[in-house]
Amino acid sequence: MEIKRKLSLLWTFVTLNYIYCDIMTLMDPAMLNELLTGNVNGMDMDNNFLLGASVLMEIPIAMIVLSRLLNYKTNRWTNIIAGCLKTIVMVITLFIGIPTSYYLFFGIIEIITTIIIVYCAWEWKNTEPDSPEYYHY
């Protein structure tokens, strides 16, 4: 499978996991009560927090498209950086409060997927002969 397609598919997969985990959180009565109070595990769910969470979620959403559109060098490094960032954020969230079993399940899948994204991007060798990065002087 072409690497750009593979990366885009992996970003789609991980994004769907992020979304469904959030949906499961809304079905969890204890978490829903905390969300309704605006304070989850001691964190205020104010506009600044929600903006930060929105920016973090926009990364994998944007990577679905960017993985297909960017040129080799920019694409490779963008995937490595975005994948590392999302992996680190997910690992950190597992240590905030006591994660529920469903959050742990999705979190492990998300971490493995973003590690695979970083690995694929890291191992990616340019095969586009029209690109200057293709030629090794």
C-alpha atoms as a PDB file:
ATOM      1  CA  MET A   1       0.000   0.000   0.000  1.00  0.00           C
ATOM      2  CA  GLU A   2       1.265   3.459  -0.843  1.00  0.00           C
ATOM      3  CA  ILE A   3       2.651   5.151   2.289  1.00  0.00           C
ATOM      4  CA  LYS A   4       0.518   8.290   1.965  1.00  0.00           C
ATOM      5  CA  ARG A   5      -2.623   6.153   1.816  1.00  0.00           C
ATOM      6  CA  LYS A   6      -1.436   4.008   4.728  1.00  0.00           C
ATOM      7  CA  LEU A   7      -0.717   7.039   6.927  1.00  0.00           C
ATOM      8  CA  SER A   8      -4.062   8.616   6.081  1.00  0.00           C
ATOM      9  CA  LEU A   9      -5.837   5.338   6.888  1.00  0.00           C
ATOM     10  CA  LEU A  10      -4.017   5.046  10.227  1.00  0.00           C
ATOM     11  CA  TRP A  11      -4.932   8.641  11.129  1.00  0.00           C
ATOM     12  CA  THR A  12      -8.569   7.898  10.236  1.00  0.00           C
ATOM     13  CA  PHE A  13      -8.516   4.776  12.405  1.00  0.00           C
ATOM     14  CA  VAL A  14      -7.009   6.543  15.422  1.00  0.00           C
ATOM     15  CA  THR A  15      -9.380   9.519  15.029  1.00  0.00           C
ATOM     16  CA  LEU A  16     -12.399   7.214  15.070  1.00  0.00           C
ATOM     17  CA  ASN A  17     -11.041   5.613  18.241  1.00  0.00           C
ATOM     18  CA  TYR A  18     -10.614   9.027  19.886  1.00  0.00           C
ATOM     19  CA  ILE A  19     -14.182   9.950  18.957  1.00  0.00           C
ATOM     20  CA  TYR A  20     -15.764   6.688  20.078  1.00  0.00           C
ATOM     21  CA  CYS A  21     -13.906   6.807  23.391  1.00  0.00           C
ATOM     22  CA  ASP A  22     -15.382  10.278  23.948  1.00  0.00           C
ATOM     23  CA  ILE A  23     -18.841   8.945  23.085  1.00  0.00           C
ATOM     24  CA  MET A  24     -18.377   6.108  25.616  1.00  0.00           C
ATOM     25  CA  THR A  25     -17.439   8.730  28.213  1.00  0.00           C
ATOM     26  CA  LEU A  26     -20.805  10.412  27.659  1.00  0.00           C
ATOM     27  CA  MET A  27     -22.505   7.062  28.373  1.00  0.00           C
ATOM     28  CA  ASP A  28     -20.620   6.600  31.657  1.00  0.00           C
ATOM     29  CA  PRO A  29     -22.912   8.010  34.403  1.00  0.00           C
ATOM     30  CA  ALA A  30     -20.031   8.909  36.742  1.00  0.00           C
ATOM     31  CA  MET A  31     -18.083  10.706  34.010  1.00  0.00           C
ATOM     32  CA  LEU A  32     -21.221  12.372  32.684  1.00  0.00           C
ATOM     33  CA  ASN A  33     -21.948  13.788  36.148  1.00  0.00           C
ATOM     34  CA  GLU A  34     -18.426  15.187  36.350  1.00  0.00           C
ATOM     35  CA  LEU A  35     -18.742  16.677  32.866  1.00  0.00           C
ATOM     36  CA  LEU A  36     -22.039  18.304  33.841  1.00  0.00           C
ATOM     37  CA  THR A  37     -20.395  19.941  36.860  1.00  0.00           C
ATOM     38  CA  GLY A  38     -17.616  21.276  34.612  1.00  0.00           C
ATOM     39  CA  ASN A  39     -14.877  19.608  36.670  1.00  0.00           C
ATOM     40  CA  VAL A  40     -13.345  16.260  35.698  1.00  0.00           C
ATOM     41  CA  ASN A  41     -10.636  14.712  37.876  1.00  0.00           C
ATOM     42  CA  GLY A  42      -9.935  18.141  39.371  1.00  0.00           C
ATOM     43  CA  MET A  43      -9.631  19.875  35.983  1.00  0.00           C
ATOM     44  CA  ASP A  44     -11.984  22.726  35.135  1.00  0.00           C
ATOM     45  CA  MET A  45     -13.641  22.247  31.754  1.00  0.00           C
ATOM     46  CA  ASP A  46     -13.565  25.961  30.966  1.00  0.00           C
ATOM     47  CA  ASN A  47     -13.254  27.559  27.522  1.00  0.00           C
ATOM     48  CA  ASN A  48      -9.449  27.520  27.618  1.00  0.00           C
ATOM     49  CA  PHE A  49      -9.361  23.802  28.409  1.00  0.00           C
ATOM     50  CA  LEU A  50     -11.909  23.069  25.673  1.00  0.00           C
ATOM     51  CA  LEU A  51      -9.938  25.150  23.160  1.00  0.00           C
ATOM     52  CA  GLY A  52      -6.771  23.219  24.009  1.00  0.00           C
ATOM     53  CA  ALA A  53      -8.619  19.914  23.660  1.00  0.00           C
ATOM     54  CA  SER A  54     -10.018  21.102  20.322  1.00  0.00           C
ATOM     55  CA  VAL A  55      -6.543  21.923  19.029  1.00  0.00           C
ATOM     56  CA  LEU A  56      -5.268  18.501  20.139  1.00  0.00           C
ATOM     57  CA  MET A  57      -8.161  16.766  18.352  1.00  0.00           C
ATOM     58  CA  GLU A  58      -7.680  18.823  15.198  1.00  0.00           C
ATOM     59  CA  ILE A  59      -4.192  17.363  14.783  1.00  0.00           C
ATOM     60  CA  PRO A  60      -5.262  13.808  13.849  1.00  0.00           C
ATOM     61  CA  ILE A  61      -8.230  15.117  11.862  1.00  0.00           C
ATOM     62  CA  ALA A  62      -5.943  17.366   9.800  1.00  0.00           C
ATOM     63  CA  MET A  63      -3.379  14.577   9.409  1.00  0.00           C
ATOM     64  CA  ILE A  64      -5.943  12.471   7.515  1.00  0.00           C
ATOM     65  CA  VAL A  65      -5.823  15.041   4.714  1.00  0.00           C
ATOM     66  CA  LEU A  66      -2.247  16.298   5.139  1.00  0.00           C
ATOM     67  CA  SER A  67      -0.858  12.754   4.877  1.00  0.00           C
ATOM     68  CA  ARG A  68      -2.255  12.611   1.354  1.00  0.00           C
ATOM     69  CA  LEU A  69      -1.360  16.141   0.226  1.00  0.00           C
ATOM     70  CA  LEU A  70       2.029  17.117   1.631  1.00  0.00           C
ATOM     71  CA  ASN A  71       5.269  16.439  -0.211  1.00  0.00           C
ATOM     72  CA  TYR A  72       7.598  13.691   0.985  1.00  0.00           C
ATOM     73  CA  LYS A  73       9.897  15.599   3.359  1.00  0.00           C
ATOM     74  CA  THR A  74       7.193  17.775   4.964  1.00  0.00           C
ATOM     75  CA  ASN A  75       4.792  14.843   5.130  1.00  0.00           C
ATOM     76  CA  ARG A  76       7.302  12.546   6.768  1.00  0.00           C
ATOM     77  CA  TRP A  77       8.290  15.017   9.489  1.00  0.00           C
ATOM     78  CA  THR A  78       4.729  16.204  10.082  1.00  0.00           C
ATOM     79  CA  ASN A  79       3.638  12.601  10.672  1.00  0.00           C
ATOM     80  CA  ILE A  80       6.579  11.923  12.988  1.00  0.00           C
ATOM     81  CA  ILE A  81       5.949  15.066  15.055  1.00  0.00           C
ATOM     82  CA  ALA A  82       2.149  14.702  15.166  1.00  0.00           C
ATOM     83  CA  GLY A  83       2.419  10.990  15.978  1.00  0.00           C
ATOM     84  CA  CYS A  84       4.899  11.593  18.798  1.00  0.00           C
ATOM     85  CA  LEU A  85       2.807  14.427  20.224  1.00  0.00           C
ATOM     86  CA  LYS A  86      -0.410  12.389  20.212  1.00  0.00           C
ATOM     87  CA  THR A  87       1.396   9.381  21.733  1.00  0.00           C
ATOM     88  CA  ILE A  88       2.812  11.503  24.570  1.00  0.00           C
ATOM     89  CA  VAL A  89      -0.541  13.172  25.250  1.00  0.00           C
ATOM     90  CA  MET A  90      -2.322   9.814  25.400  1.00  0.00           C
ATOM     91  CA  VAL A  91       0.271   8.338  27.754  1.00  0.00           C
ATOM     92  CA  ILE A  92      -0.084  11.379  30.047  1.00  0.00           C
ATOM     93  CA  THR A  93      -3.894  11.114  30.088  1.00  0.00           C
ATOM     94  CA  LEU A  94      -3.626   7.550  31.391  1.00  0.00           C
ATOM     95  CA  PHE A  95      -2.067   8.962  34.582  1.00  0.00           C
ATOM     96  CA  ILE A  96      -4.742  11.597  35.237  1.00  0.00           C
ATOM     97  CA  GLY A  97      -7.113  10.113  37.751  1.00  0.00           C
ATOM     98  CA  ILE A  98      -7.902   6.417  37.545  1.00  0.00           C
ATOM     99  CA  PRO A  99      -8.668   5.464  33.940  1.00  0.00           C
ATOM    100  CA  THR A 100     -11.802   3.438  33.336  1.00  0.00           C
ATOM    101  CA  SER A 101     -11.473   0.054  31.637  1.00  0.00           C
ATOM    102  CA  TYR A 102     -12.932   1.376  28.374  1.00  0.00           C
ATOM    103  CA  TYR A 103     -10.595   4.404  28.422  1.00  0.00           C
ATOM    104  CA  LEU A 104      -7.612   2.139  29.012  1.00  0.00           C
ATOM    105  CA  PHE A 105      -8.752  -0.127  26.151  1.00  0.00           C
ATOM    106  CA  PHE A 106      -9.077   2.746  23.687  1.00  0.00           C
ATOM    107  CA  GLY A 107      -5.942   4.432  25.025  1.00  0.00           C
ATOM    108  CA  ILE A 108      -3.796   1.377  24.350  1.00  0.00           C
ATOM    109  CA  ILE A 109      -5.176   1.096  20.800  1.00  0.00           C
ATOM    110  CA  GLU A 110      -4.557   4.817  20.221  1.00  0.00           C
ATOM    111  CA  ILE A 111      -0.995   4.671  21.573  1.00  0.00           C
ATOM    112  CA  ILE A 112      -0.128   1.610  19.478  1.00  0.00           C
ATOM    113  CA  THR A 113      -1.594   3.260  16.370  1.00  0.00           C
ATOM    114  CA  THR A 114       0.310   6.522  16.800  1.00  0.00           C
ATOM    115  CA  ILE A 115       3.533   4.570  17.420  1.00  0.00           C
ATOM    116  CA  ILE A 116       2.896   2.684  14.168  1.00  0.00           C
ATOM    117  CA  ILE A 117       2.364   6.033  12.408  1.00  0.00           C
ATOM    118  CA  VAL A 118       5.700   7.329  13.721  1.00  0.00           C
ATOM    119  CA  TYR A 119       7.432   4.095  12.710  1.00  0.00           C
ATOM    120  CA  CYS A 120       5.963   4.135   9.178  1.00  0.00           C
ATOM    121  CA  ALA A 121       6.907   7.784   8.700  1.00  0.00           C
ATOM    122  CA  TRP A 122      10.401   7.222  10.131  1.00  0.00           C
ATOM    123  CA  GLU A 123      11.048   4.272   7.804  1.00  0.00           C
ATOM    124  CA  TRP A 124       9.552   6.022   4.776  1.00  0.00           C
ATOM    125  CA  LYS A 125      12.031   6.322   1.922  1.00  0.00           C
ATOM    126  CA  ASN A 126      11.220   8.713  -0.897  1.00  0.00           C
ATOM    127  CA  THR A 127      10.237   6.897  -4.084  1.00  0.00           C
ATOM    128  CA  GLU A 128       9.040   9.923  -6.036  1.00  0.00           C
ATOM    129  CA  PRO A 129      11.604  10.478  -8.830  1.00  0.00           C
ATOM    130  CA  ASP A 130      10.231  13.946  -9.622  1.00  0.00           C
ATOM    131  CA  SER A 131      11.167  15.153  -6.155  1.00  0.00           C
ATOM    132  CA  PRO A 132      14.622  16.601  -5.312  1.00  0.00           C
ATOM    133  CA  GLU A 133      14.715  14.481  -2.117  1.00  0.00           C
ATOM    134  CA  TYR A 134      14.700  11.355  -4.290  1.00  0.00           C
ATOM    135  CA  TYR A 135      18.200  11.916  -5.579  1.00  0.00           C
ATOM    136  CA  HIS A 136      20.994  11.082  -3.161  1.00  0.00           C
ATOM    137  CA  TYR A 137      24.081  13.037  -4.159  1.00  0.00           C
END
